[in-house]
Amino acid sequence: MRKIVIWGTGKNYEKLINNVQFEIFKGNISVEALVARAGDITGQTLDGFKIITKENVTDIKFDYLVIASPLYYKEIWNEAVALGIEKEKILNGEIFHIPLFDFARYVKLIENPVTILSDNCWGGIVYNRLHMKFYSPLINIYWDTENYVRFIQNPEYYLGRPLVMEREGSLRNNIYPIGSLGGG
């Protein structure tokens, strides 16, 4: 079971609390505290969880910090990092809205990252949808089938070769760049 702290108690918290409760029911997580704005909140609870201020978040033992607000995610993320919370331990609360989400399986992916080798942009879409760091060297790339099969048979070789630009791209003129590895 992973211990989490949820930062945010507003409308986005309300949107994710049922999914959080389900993860608690499955035995995947325990919520150690909720972080709310400063004010007279000492000793208060919400949904049975202790409310603390951001100044007290480092006093709590937890595995992951979940940021409930997508709108203020970056701002809260910066505050959390400034407080000394490891970047890898900060999660976007939107993960709880992923269909068939399971926190235990999600944490396995975080702690044992996978590299997605795809022939088009679907690998990047998966990383993005899961709010995970990109571990693929093939983000935003398209391969024709023949070249992709050749690459996938020996990725170490091709990734060790220098990238040669065959054609520069231009967003203005809707021209995509073309590069080659290992002699094309």
N, C-alpha and C. Protein backbone atom coordinates (compact mmCIF):
# COMPACT_ATOMS: atom_id res chain seq x y z
N MET A 1 0.85 -1.18 0.00
CA MET A 1 0.00 0.00 0.00
C MET A 1 0.89 1.24 0.00
N ARG A 2 0.56 2.19 -0.87
CA ARG A 2 1.32 3.43 -0.97
C ARG A 2 0.62 4.53 -0.20
N LYS A 3 1.42 5.34 0.46
CA LYS A 3 0.89 6.48 1.21
C LYS A 3 0.95 7.71 0.32
N ILE A 4 -0.19 8.40 0.21
CA ILE A 4 -0.22 9.61 -0.61
C ILE A 4 -0.70 10.80 0.20
N VAL A 5 -0.32 11.98 -0.29
CA VAL A 5 -0.85 13.25 0.19
C VAL A 5 -1.49 13.89 -1.03
N ILE A 6 -2.68 14.43 -0.87
CA ILE A 6 -3.36 15.11 -1.97
C ILE A 6 -3.28 16.61 -1.72
N TRP A 7 -2.74 17.35 -2.70
CA TRP A 7 -2.62 18.80 -2.59
C TRP A 7 -3.78 19.42 -3.35
N GLY A 8 -4.69 20.00 -2.63
CA GLY A 8 -5.86 20.64 -3.22
C GLY A 8 -7.14 20.05 -2.68
N THR A 9 -8.05 20.93 -2.28
CA THR A 9 -9.32 20.48 -1.71
C THR A 9 -10.52 21.13 -2.39
N GLY A 10 -10.31 21.69 -3.55
CA GLY A 10 -11.38 22.39 -4.26
C GLY A 10 -12.18 21.48 -5.17
N LYS A 11 -12.72 22.07 -6.24
CA LYS A 11 -13.64 21.33 -7.12
C LYS A 11 -12.95 20.15 -7.81
N ASN A 12 -11.66 20.26 -8.09
CA ASN A 12 -10.97 19.13 -8.73
C ASN A 12 -10.76 17.98 -7.76
N TYR A 13 -10.58 18.29 -6.50
CA TYR A 13 -10.53 17.25 -5.46
C TYR A 13 -11.87 16.51 -5.45
N GLU A 14 -12.96 17.27 -5.51
CA GLU A 14 -14.29 16.66 -5.50
C GLU A 14 -14.49 15.72 -6.69
N LYS A 15 -13.85 16.06 -7.82
CA LYS A 15 -13.99 15.22 -9.01
C LYS A 15 -13.22 13.91 -8.90
N LEU A 16 -12.14 13.90 -8.12
CA LEU A 16 -11.33 12.69 -8.07
C LEU A 16 -11.50 11.86 -6.80
N ILE A 17 -12.22 12.39 -5.80
CA ILE A 17 -12.28 11.69 -4.52
C ILE A 17 -12.93 10.31 -4.60
N ASN A 18 -13.94 10.13 -5.44
CA ASN A 18 -14.55 8.80 -5.56
C ASN A 18 -13.56 7.77 -6.08
N ASN A 19 -12.74 8.17 -7.05
CA ASN A 19 -11.73 7.25 -7.58
C ASN A 19 -10.63 7.00 -6.55
N VAL A 20 -10.29 8.01 -5.77
CA VAL A 20 -9.33 7.83 -4.68
C VAL A 20 -9.89 6.84 -3.66
N GLN A 21 -11.16 7.01 -3.31
CA GLN A 21 -11.79 6.11 -2.35
C GLN A 21 -11.79 4.67 -2.87
N PHE A 22 -11.98 4.49 -4.16
CA PHE A 22 -11.94 3.15 -4.74
C PHE A 22 -10.55 2.54 -4.61
N GLU A 23 -9.51 3.35 -4.82
CA GLU A 23 -8.14 2.85 -4.66
C GLU A 23 -7.86 2.49 -3.20
N ILE A 24 -8.44 3.24 -2.28
CA ILE A 24 -8.32 2.90 -0.85
C ILE A 24 -9.01 1.57 -0.60
N PHE A 25 -10.21 1.41 -1.14
CA PHE A 25 -10.97 0.17 -0.98
C PHE A 25 -10.20 -1.04 -1.52
N LYS A 26 -9.50 -0.86 -2.65
CA LYS A 26 -8.72 -1.95 -3.24
C LYS A 26 -7.44 -2.24 -2.45
N GLY A 27 -7.11 -1.36 -1.51
CA GLY A 27 -5.90 -1.56 -0.71
C GLY A 27 -4.64 -1.04 -1.38
N ASN A 28 -4.80 -0.20 -2.40
CA ASN A 28 -3.65 0.33 -3.13
C ASN A 28 -3.02 1.55 -2.47
N ILE A 29 -3.84 2.37 -1.80
CA ILE A 29 -3.33 3.61 -1.22
C ILE A 29 -3.95 3.88 0.15
N SER A 30 -3.28 4.75 0.87
CA SER A 30 -3.87 5.39 2.05
C SER A 30 -3.57 6.87 1.91
N VAL A 31 -4.53 7.69 2.25
CA VAL A 31 -4.35 9.14 2.17
C VAL A 31 -3.90 9.61 3.54
N GLU A 32 -2.69 10.15 3.60
CA GLU A 32 -2.11 10.58 4.87
C GLU A 32 -2.56 11.98 5.26
N ALA A 33 -2.83 12.83 4.26
CA ALA A 33 -3.28 14.20 4.54
C ALA A 33 -3.72 14.87 3.25
N LEU A 34 -4.45 15.96 3.42
CA LEU A 34 -4.83 16.85 2.32
C LEU A 34 -4.14 18.18 2.58
N VAL A 35 -3.61 18.79 1.53
CA VAL A 35 -2.98 20.10 1.66
C VAL A 35 -3.98 21.13 1.16
N ALA A 36 -4.28 22.11 2.02
CA ALA A 36 -5.21 23.18 1.67
C ALA A 36 -4.52 24.52 1.86
N ARG A 37 -5.17 25.56 1.38
CA ARG A 37 -4.64 26.92 1.57
C ARG A 37 -4.55 27.22 3.06
N ALA A 38 -3.63 28.13 3.36
CA ALA A 38 -3.45 28.53 4.77
C ALA A 38 -4.75 29.11 5.31
N GLY A 39 -4.94 28.97 6.55
CA GLY A 39 -6.14 29.48 7.21
C GLY A 39 -6.32 28.72 8.51
N ASP A 40 -7.43 28.92 9.13
CA ASP A 40 -7.68 28.24 10.40
C ASP A 40 -8.22 26.85 10.12
N ILE A 41 -7.30 25.93 9.82
CA ILE A 41 -7.71 24.57 9.46
C ILE A 41 -7.14 23.52 10.41
N THR A 42 -6.41 23.96 11.41
CA THR A 42 -5.78 23.02 12.34
C THR A 42 -6.81 22.08 12.93
N GLY A 43 -6.55 20.79 12.80
CA GLY A 43 -7.44 19.79 13.38
C GLY A 43 -8.67 19.47 12.55
N GLN A 44 -8.88 20.17 11.45
CA GLN A 44 -10.04 19.89 10.62
C GLN A 44 -9.79 18.68 9.73
N THR A 45 -10.87 18.09 9.27
CA THR A 45 -10.78 16.97 8.33
C THR A 45 -11.76 17.19 7.19
N LEU A 46 -11.49 16.51 6.10
CA LEU A 46 -12.39 16.51 4.95
C LEU A 46 -12.45 15.06 4.46
N ASP A 47 -13.64 14.52 4.37
CA ASP A 47 -13.82 13.11 3.97
C ASP A 47 -13.01 12.17 4.86
N GLY A 48 -12.80 12.58 6.10
CA GLY A 48 -12.07 11.76 7.06
C GLY A 48 -10.56 11.91 6.99
N PHE A 49 -10.06 12.80 6.12
CA PHE A 49 -8.62 13.01 5.97
C PHE A 49 -8.19 14.29 6.67
N LYS A 50 -7.06 14.24 7.35
CA LYS A 50 -6.51 15.39 8.04
C LYS A 50 -6.10 16.47 7.03
N ILE A 51 -6.42 17.72 7.34
CA ILE A 51 -6.05 18.84 6.49
C ILE A 51 -4.84 19.54 7.09
N ILE A 52 -3.85 19.80 6.22
CA ILE A 52 -2.64 20.51 6.64
C ILE A 52 -2.36 21.64 5.65
N THR A 53 -1.41 22.50 6.00
CA THR A 53 -0.96 23.54 5.07
C THR A 53 0.29 23.05 4.35
N LYS A 54 0.65 23.73 3.29
CA LYS A 54 1.84 23.31 2.53
C LYS A 54 3.10 23.36 3.38
N GLU A 55 3.13 24.25 4.35
CA GLU A 55 4.30 24.35 5.22
C GLU A 55 4.51 23.08 6.05
N ASN A 56 3.45 22.31 6.24
CA ASN A 56 3.53 21.09 7.05
C ASN A 56 3.65 19.81 6.23
N VAL A 57 3.65 19.94 4.92
CA VAL A 57 3.62 18.73 4.08
C VAL A 57 4.87 17.88 4.28
N THR A 58 6.00 18.49 4.52
CA THR A 58 7.22 17.69 4.69
C THR A 58 7.30 17.01 6.05
N ASP A 59 6.37 17.34 6.95
CA ASP A 59 6.31 16.65 8.25
C ASP A 59 5.60 15.30 8.15
N ILE A 60 4.95 15.06 7.02
CA ILE A 60 4.17 13.84 6.81
C ILE A 60 5.03 12.83 6.04
N LYS A 61 4.96 11.57 6.42
CA LYS A 61 5.64 10.52 5.67
C LYS A 61 4.69 10.02 4.58
N PHE A 62 5.14 10.12 3.33
CA PHE A 62 4.31 9.67 2.21
C PHE A 62 5.20 9.22 1.06
N ASP A 63 4.59 8.45 0.17
CA ASP A 63 5.31 7.96 -1.01
C ASP A 63 5.12 8.86 -2.22
N TYR A 64 3.90 9.39 -2.38
CA TYR A 64 3.59 10.22 -3.54
C TYR A 64 2.71 11.39 -3.15
N LEU A 65 2.96 12.51 -3.80
CA LEU A 65 2.13 13.70 -3.65
C LEU A 65 1.27 13.80 -4.90
N VAL A 66 -0.03 13.87 -4.74
CA VAL A 66 -0.97 13.96 -5.86
C VAL A 66 -1.51 15.38 -5.90
N ILE A 67 -1.33 16.05 -7.04
CA ILE A 67 -1.84 17.41 -7.22
C ILE A 67 -3.22 17.31 -7.87
N ALA A 68 -4.23 17.80 -7.15
CA ALA A 68 -5.61 17.66 -7.61
C ALA A 68 -5.97 18.62 -8.74
N SER A 69 -5.35 19.77 -8.80
CA SER A 69 -5.75 20.81 -9.75
C SER A 69 -4.94 20.79 -11.04
N PRO A 70 -5.57 20.49 -12.18
CA PRO A 70 -4.84 20.58 -13.44
C PRO A 70 -4.54 22.04 -13.81
N LEU A 71 -5.42 22.95 -13.41
CA LEU A 71 -5.23 24.36 -13.74
C LEU A 71 -4.00 24.94 -13.06
N TYR A 72 -3.79 24.60 -11.81
CA TYR A 72 -2.66 25.13 -11.05
C TYR A 72 -1.55 24.09 -10.87
N TYR A 73 -1.57 23.07 -11.69
CA TYR A 73 -0.61 21.97 -11.53
C TYR A 73 0.83 22.47 -11.51
N LYS A 74 1.24 23.23 -12.51
CA LYS A 74 2.64 23.66 -12.61
C LYS A 74 3.03 24.54 -11.42
N GLU A 75 2.15 25.44 -11.03
CA GLU A 75 2.42 26.32 -9.89
C GLU A 75 2.60 25.50 -8.60
N ILE A 76 1.71 24.56 -8.37
CA ILE A 76 1.79 23.71 -7.17
C ILE A 76 3.02 22.81 -7.26
N TRP A 77 3.30 22.28 -8.44
CA TRP A 77 4.47 21.43 -8.64
C TRP A 77 5.73 22.20 -8.26
N ASN A 78 5.84 23.45 -8.72
CA ASN A 78 7.00 24.27 -8.38
C ASN A 78 7.10 24.49 -6.87
N GLU A 79 5.97 24.75 -6.22
CA GLU A 79 5.98 24.93 -4.76
C GLU A 79 6.43 23.66 -4.06
N ALA A 80 5.94 22.52 -4.52
CA ALA A 80 6.30 21.24 -3.90
C ALA A 80 7.79 20.96 -4.05
N VAL A 81 8.32 21.21 -5.23
CA VAL A 81 9.76 21.00 -5.46
C VAL A 81 10.57 21.95 -4.58
N ALA A 82 10.11 23.20 -4.46
CA ALA A 82 10.80 24.17 -3.60
C ALA A 82 10.80 23.72 -2.13
N LEU A 83 9.79 22.96 -1.75
CA LEU A 83 9.72 22.44 -0.38
C LEU A 83 10.62 21.21 -0.19
N GLY A 84 11.21 20.73 -1.28
CA GLY A 84 12.12 19.60 -1.19
C GLY A 84 11.52 18.26 -1.56
N ILE A 85 10.32 18.26 -2.10
CA ILE A 85 9.68 17.01 -2.52
C ILE A 85 10.30 16.58 -3.86
N GLU A 86 10.69 15.32 -3.94
CA GLU A 86 11.31 14.80 -5.16
C GLU A 86 10.35 14.90 -6.34
N LYS A 87 10.86 15.36 -7.48
CA LYS A 87 10.03 15.52 -8.68
C LYS A 87 9.34 14.22 -9.07
N GLU A 88 10.04 13.10 -8.92
CA GLU A 88 9.50 11.81 -9.32
C GLU A 88 8.35 11.36 -8.42
N LYS A 89 8.20 12.00 -7.28
CA LYS A 89 7.15 11.62 -6.33
C LYS A 89 5.89 12.48 -6.46
N ILE A 90 5.89 13.37 -7.46
CA ILE A 90 4.74 14.27 -7.65
C ILE A 90 3.92 13.76 -8.83
N LEU A 91 2.64 13.51 -8.59
CA LEU A 91 1.75 12.96 -9.61
C LEU A 91 0.60 13.90 -9.91
N ASN A 92 0.14 13.86 -11.14
CA ASN A 92 -1.01 14.64 -11.57
C ASN A 92 -2.29 13.88 -11.18
N GLY A 93 -3.18 14.54 -10.48
CA GLY A 93 -4.42 13.91 -10.03
C GLY A 93 -5.30 13.41 -11.16
N GLU A 94 -5.08 13.89 -12.37
CA GLU A 94 -5.88 13.44 -13.51
C GLU A 94 -5.69 11.95 -13.79
N ILE A 95 -4.63 11.35 -13.26
CA ILE A 95 -4.43 9.91 -13.48
C ILE A 95 -5.59 9.10 -12.93
N PHE A 96 -6.25 9.60 -11.90
CA PHE A 96 -7.35 8.86 -11.29
C PHE A 96 -8.58 8.79 -12.21
N HIS A 97 -8.58 9.58 -13.29
CA HIS A 97 -9.69 9.57 -14.24
C HIS A 97 -9.43 8.65 -15.43
N ILE A 98 -8.26 8.03 -15.48
CA ILE A 98 -7.95 7.11 -16.58
C ILE A 98 -8.85 5.88 -16.44
N PRO A 99 -9.53 5.48 -17.53
CA PRO A 99 -10.39 4.29 -17.44
C PRO A 99 -9.61 3.07 -16.95
N LEU A 100 -10.21 2.32 -16.05
CA LEU A 100 -9.64 1.10 -15.47
C LEU A 100 -8.33 1.37 -14.72
N PHE A 101 -8.17 2.59 -14.23
CA PHE A 101 -6.95 2.97 -13.51
C PHE A 101 -6.76 2.10 -12.28
N ASP A 102 -5.51 1.72 -12.04
CA ASP A 102 -5.14 0.97 -10.84
C ASP A 102 -3.82 1.56 -10.33
N PHE A 103 -3.86 2.15 -9.14
CA PHE A 103 -2.69 2.85 -8.61
C PHE A 103 -1.49 1.93 -8.46
N ALA A 104 -1.69 0.71 -8.03
CA ALA A 104 -0.57 -0.23 -7.84
C ALA A 104 0.13 -0.51 -9.17
N ARG A 105 -0.64 -0.73 -10.23
CA ARG A 105 -0.03 -0.97 -11.55
C ARG A 105 0.64 0.29 -12.08
N TYR A 106 0.02 1.45 -11.83
CA TYR A 106 0.60 2.71 -12.27
C TYR A 106 1.96 2.94 -11.62
N VAL A 107 2.05 2.69 -10.33
CA VAL A 107 3.31 2.87 -9.61
C VAL A 107 4.38 1.92 -10.14
N LYS A 108 3.99 0.71 -10.53
CA LYS A 108 4.96 -0.21 -11.14
C LYS A 108 5.56 0.40 -12.40
N LEU A 109 4.73 1.07 -13.20
CA LEU A 109 5.25 1.72 -14.41
C LEU A 109 6.18 2.88 -14.06
N ILE A 110 5.85 3.62 -13.03
CA ILE A 110 6.70 4.75 -12.62
C ILE A 110 8.04 4.24 -12.11
N GLU A 111 7.99 3.22 -11.29
CA GLU A 111 9.21 2.72 -10.66
C GLU A 111 10.03 1.81 -11.57
N ASN A 112 9.42 1.29 -12.61
CA ASN A 112 10.10 0.44 -13.60
C ASN A 112 9.70 0.94 -14.98
N PRO A 113 10.22 2.10 -15.39
CA PRO A 113 9.76 2.71 -16.64
C PRO A 113 10.00 1.83 -17.86
N VAL A 114 9.08 1.93 -18.78
CA VAL A 114 9.18 1.19 -20.03
C VAL A 114 9.50 2.15 -21.17
N THR A 115 10.18 1.62 -22.16
CA THR A 115 10.46 2.38 -23.38
C THR A 115 9.50 1.87 -24.44
N ILE A 116 8.73 2.78 -25.00
CA ILE A 116 7.80 2.42 -26.06
C ILE A 116 8.46 2.71 -27.40
N LEU A 117 8.64 1.68 -28.20
CA LEU A 117 9.19 1.83 -29.54
C LEU A 117 8.02 1.67 -30.51
N SER A 118 7.56 2.79 -31.05
CA SER A 118 6.39 2.75 -31.93
C SER A 118 6.74 3.32 -33.30
N ASP A 119 5.95 2.94 -34.28
CA ASP A 119 6.21 3.38 -35.65
C ASP A 119 5.57 4.73 -35.97
N ASN A 120 4.80 5.26 -35.03
CA ASN A 120 4.22 6.58 -35.23
C ASN A 120 4.02 7.23 -33.86
N CYS A 121 3.12 8.18 -33.75
CA CYS A 121 3.02 8.98 -32.54
C CYS A 121 2.27 8.31 -31.38
N TRP A 122 1.79 7.09 -31.53
CA TRP A 122 0.99 6.50 -30.45
C TRP A 122 1.78 6.33 -29.17
N GLY A 123 3.08 6.09 -29.24
CA GLY A 123 3.89 5.95 -28.03
C GLY A 123 3.87 7.23 -27.20
N GLY A 124 4.03 8.36 -27.87
CA GLY A 124 3.97 9.65 -27.18
C GLY A 124 2.60 9.93 -26.60
N ILE A 125 1.58 9.51 -27.31
CA ILE A 125 0.21 9.70 -26.82
C ILE A 125 0.00 8.90 -25.53
N VAL A 126 0.52 7.68 -25.48
CA VAL A 126 0.39 6.85 -24.28
C VAL A 126 1.09 7.52 -23.09
N TYR A 127 2.35 7.93 -23.28
CA TYR A 127 3.07 8.61 -22.20
C TYR A 127 2.30 9.84 -21.73
N ASN A 128 1.81 10.62 -22.69
CA ASN A 128 1.10 11.85 -22.36
C ASN A 128 -0.18 11.56 -21.59
N ARG A 129 -0.94 10.61 -22.05
CA ARG A 129 -2.22 10.27 -21.39
C ARG A 129 -2.00 9.77 -19.97
N LEU A 130 -0.89 9.07 -19.75
CA LEU A 130 -0.58 8.55 -18.43
C LEU A 130 0.15 9.57 -17.55
N HIS A 131 0.40 10.77 -18.10
CA HIS A 131 1.13 11.81 -17.37
C HIS A 131 2.47 11.28 -16.87
N MET A 132 3.17 10.59 -17.76
CA MET A 132 4.45 9.99 -17.41
C MET A 132 5.57 10.62 -18.23
N LYS A 133 6.76 10.57 -17.66
CA LYS A 133 7.95 11.02 -18.36
C LYS A 133 8.14 10.17 -19.61
N PHE A 134 8.57 10.80 -20.70
CA PHE A 134 8.80 10.08 -21.95
C PHE A 134 10.13 9.35 -21.86
N TYR A 135 10.11 8.04 -22.04
CA TYR A 135 11.33 7.23 -22.02
C TYR A 135 11.62 6.64 -23.39
N SER A 136 11.04 7.20 -24.42
CA SER A 136 11.23 6.65 -25.75
C SER A 136 12.08 7.59 -26.59
N PRO A 137 13.00 7.04 -27.37
CA PRO A 137 13.75 7.88 -28.30
C PRO A 137 12.96 8.17 -29.58
N LEU A 138 11.74 7.66 -29.66
CA LEU A 138 10.96 7.76 -30.89
C LEU A 138 9.72 8.63 -30.75
N ILE A 139 9.77 9.63 -29.92
CA ILE A 139 8.61 10.51 -29.74
C ILE A 139 8.44 11.38 -30.98
N ASN A 140 7.19 11.50 -31.42
CA ASN A 140 6.82 12.32 -32.58
C ASN A 140 7.58 11.91 -33.84
N ILE A 141 7.61 10.64 -34.09
CA ILE A 141 8.32 10.13 -35.26
C ILE A 141 7.38 9.23 -36.06
N TYR A 142 7.61 9.18 -37.36
CA TYR A 142 6.85 8.28 -38.21
C TYR A 142 7.84 7.46 -39.03
N TRP A 143 7.60 6.17 -39.13
CA TRP A 143 8.43 5.28 -39.93
C TRP A 143 7.52 4.56 -40.94
N ASP A 144 8.04 4.33 -42.15
CA ASP A 144 7.31 3.40 -43.00
C ASP A 144 7.62 2.00 -42.46
N THR A 145 6.81 1.05 -42.82
CA THR A 145 6.90 -0.29 -42.23
C THR A 145 8.27 -0.93 -42.43
N GLU A 146 8.82 -0.83 -43.62
CA GLU A 146 10.12 -1.46 -43.91
C GLU A 146 11.22 -0.91 -43.00
N ASN A 147 11.30 0.40 -42.89
CA ASN A 147 12.34 1.01 -42.05
C ASN A 147 12.11 0.74 -40.57
N TYR A 148 10.85 0.72 -40.15
CA TYR A 148 10.55 0.45 -38.74
C TYR A 148 10.96 -0.98 -38.37
N VAL A 149 10.64 -1.94 -39.23
CA VAL A 149 11.01 -3.33 -38.96
C VAL A 149 12.53 -3.46 -38.91
N ARG A 150 13.25 -2.80 -39.80
CA ARG A 150 14.71 -2.84 -39.78
C ARG A 150 15.24 -2.25 -38.47
N PHE A 151 14.67 -1.12 -38.05
CA PHE A 151 15.11 -0.48 -36.80
C PHE A 151 14.83 -1.38 -35.60
N ILE A 152 13.64 -1.93 -35.52
CA ILE A 152 13.22 -2.68 -34.34
C ILE A 152 14.01 -3.98 -34.19
N GLN A 153 14.59 -4.47 -35.28
CA GLN A 153 15.41 -5.68 -35.20
C GLN A 153 16.75 -5.43 -34.52
N ASN A 154 17.22 -4.18 -34.53
CA ASN A 154 18.51 -3.86 -33.91
C ASN A 154 18.52 -2.40 -33.44
N PRO A 155 17.67 -2.04 -32.48
CA PRO A 155 17.59 -0.63 -32.07
C PRO A 155 18.89 -0.09 -31.48
N GLU A 156 19.66 -0.92 -30.78
CA GLU A 156 20.92 -0.44 -30.19
C GLU A 156 21.87 0.07 -31.28
N TYR A 157 21.93 -0.66 -32.38
CA TYR A 157 22.79 -0.24 -33.49
C TYR A 157 22.36 1.12 -34.03
N TYR A 158 21.09 1.24 -34.35
CA TYR A 158 20.62 2.47 -34.97
C TYR A 158 20.66 3.67 -34.02
N LEU A 159 20.36 3.43 -32.75
CA LEU A 159 20.40 4.54 -31.79
C LEU A 159 21.83 4.98 -31.50
N GLY A 160 22.80 4.14 -31.82
CA GLY A 160 24.21 4.50 -31.65
C GLY A 160 24.79 5.24 -32.85
N ARG A 161 24.02 5.36 -33.91
CA ARG A 161 24.47 6.05 -35.12
C ARG A 161 24.08 7.52 -35.06
N PRO A 162 24.87 8.38 -35.70
CA PRO A 162 24.49 9.80 -35.72
C PRO A 162 23.26 10.03 -36.61
N LEU A 163 22.44 10.97 -36.19
CA LEU A 163 21.27 11.35 -36.97
C LEU A 163 21.72 12.29 -38.08
N VAL A 164 21.36 11.97 -39.30
CA VAL A 164 21.70 12.80 -40.46
C VAL A 164 20.41 13.44 -40.96
N MET A 165 20.40 14.76 -41.04
CA MET A 165 19.22 15.46 -41.54
C MET A 165 19.21 15.40 -43.06
N GLU A 166 18.20 14.77 -43.61
CA GLU A 166 18.03 14.68 -45.06
C GLU A 166 17.25 15.89 -45.58
N ARG A 167 16.33 16.38 -44.74
CA ARG A 167 15.54 17.56 -45.12
C ARG A 167 15.11 18.27 -43.84
N GLU A 168 15.31 19.57 -43.77
CA GLU A 168 14.85 20.38 -42.64
C GLU A 168 13.34 20.57 -42.75
N GLY A 169 12.70 20.73 -41.62
CA GLY A 169 11.26 20.94 -41.59
C GLY A 169 10.91 22.41 -41.50
N SER A 170 9.66 22.72 -41.78
CA SER A 170 9.15 24.09 -41.69
C SER A 170 7.68 24.04 -41.29
N LEU A 171 7.38 24.49 -40.06
CA LEU A 171 5.99 24.53 -39.63
C LEU A 171 5.16 25.46 -40.50
N ARG A 172 5.75 26.58 -40.87
CA ARG A 172 5.04 27.58 -41.68
C ARG A 172 4.59 26.99 -43.01
N ASN A 173 5.45 26.17 -43.62
CA ASN A 173 5.14 25.60 -44.93
C ASN A 173 4.62 24.17 -44.85
N ASN A 174 4.32 23.71 -43.63
CA ASN A 174 3.79 22.37 -43.41
C ASN A 174 4.70 21.28 -44.00
N ILE A 175 6.00 21.46 -43.77
CA ILE A 175 6.99 20.49 -44.24
C ILE A 175 7.62 19.84 -43.01
N TYR A 176 7.56 18.53 -42.94
CA TYR A 176 8.14 17.83 -41.80
C TYR A 176 9.60 17.49 -42.11
N PRO A 177 10.43 17.44 -41.08
CA PRO A 177 11.84 17.09 -41.30
C PRO A 177 11.99 15.59 -41.58
N ILE A 178 13.04 15.26 -42.30
CA ILE A 178 13.36 13.86 -42.58
C ILE A 178 14.82 13.63 -42.18
N GLY A 179 15.03 12.57 -41.40
CA GLY A 179 16.38 12.22 -40.98
C GLY A 179 16.63 10.75 -41.24
N SER A 180 17.91 10.37 -41.16
CA SER A 180 18.24 8.96 -41.33
C SER A 180 19.29 8.55 -40.29
N LEU A 181 19.25 7.27 -39.95
CA LEU A 181 20.20 6.68 -39.00
C LEU A 181 20.88 5.50 -39.67
N GLY A 182 22.17 5.38 -39.49
CA GLY A 182 22.87 4.18 -39.94
C GLY A 182 22.82 3.96 -41.44
N GLY A 183 22.96 5.01 -42.21
CA GLY A 183 23.00 4.86 -43.65
C GLY A 183 21.64 4.80 -44.31
N GLY A 184 20.61 5.29 -43.62
CA GLY A 184 19.30 5.38 -44.21
C GLY A 184 18.52 4.14 -44.08
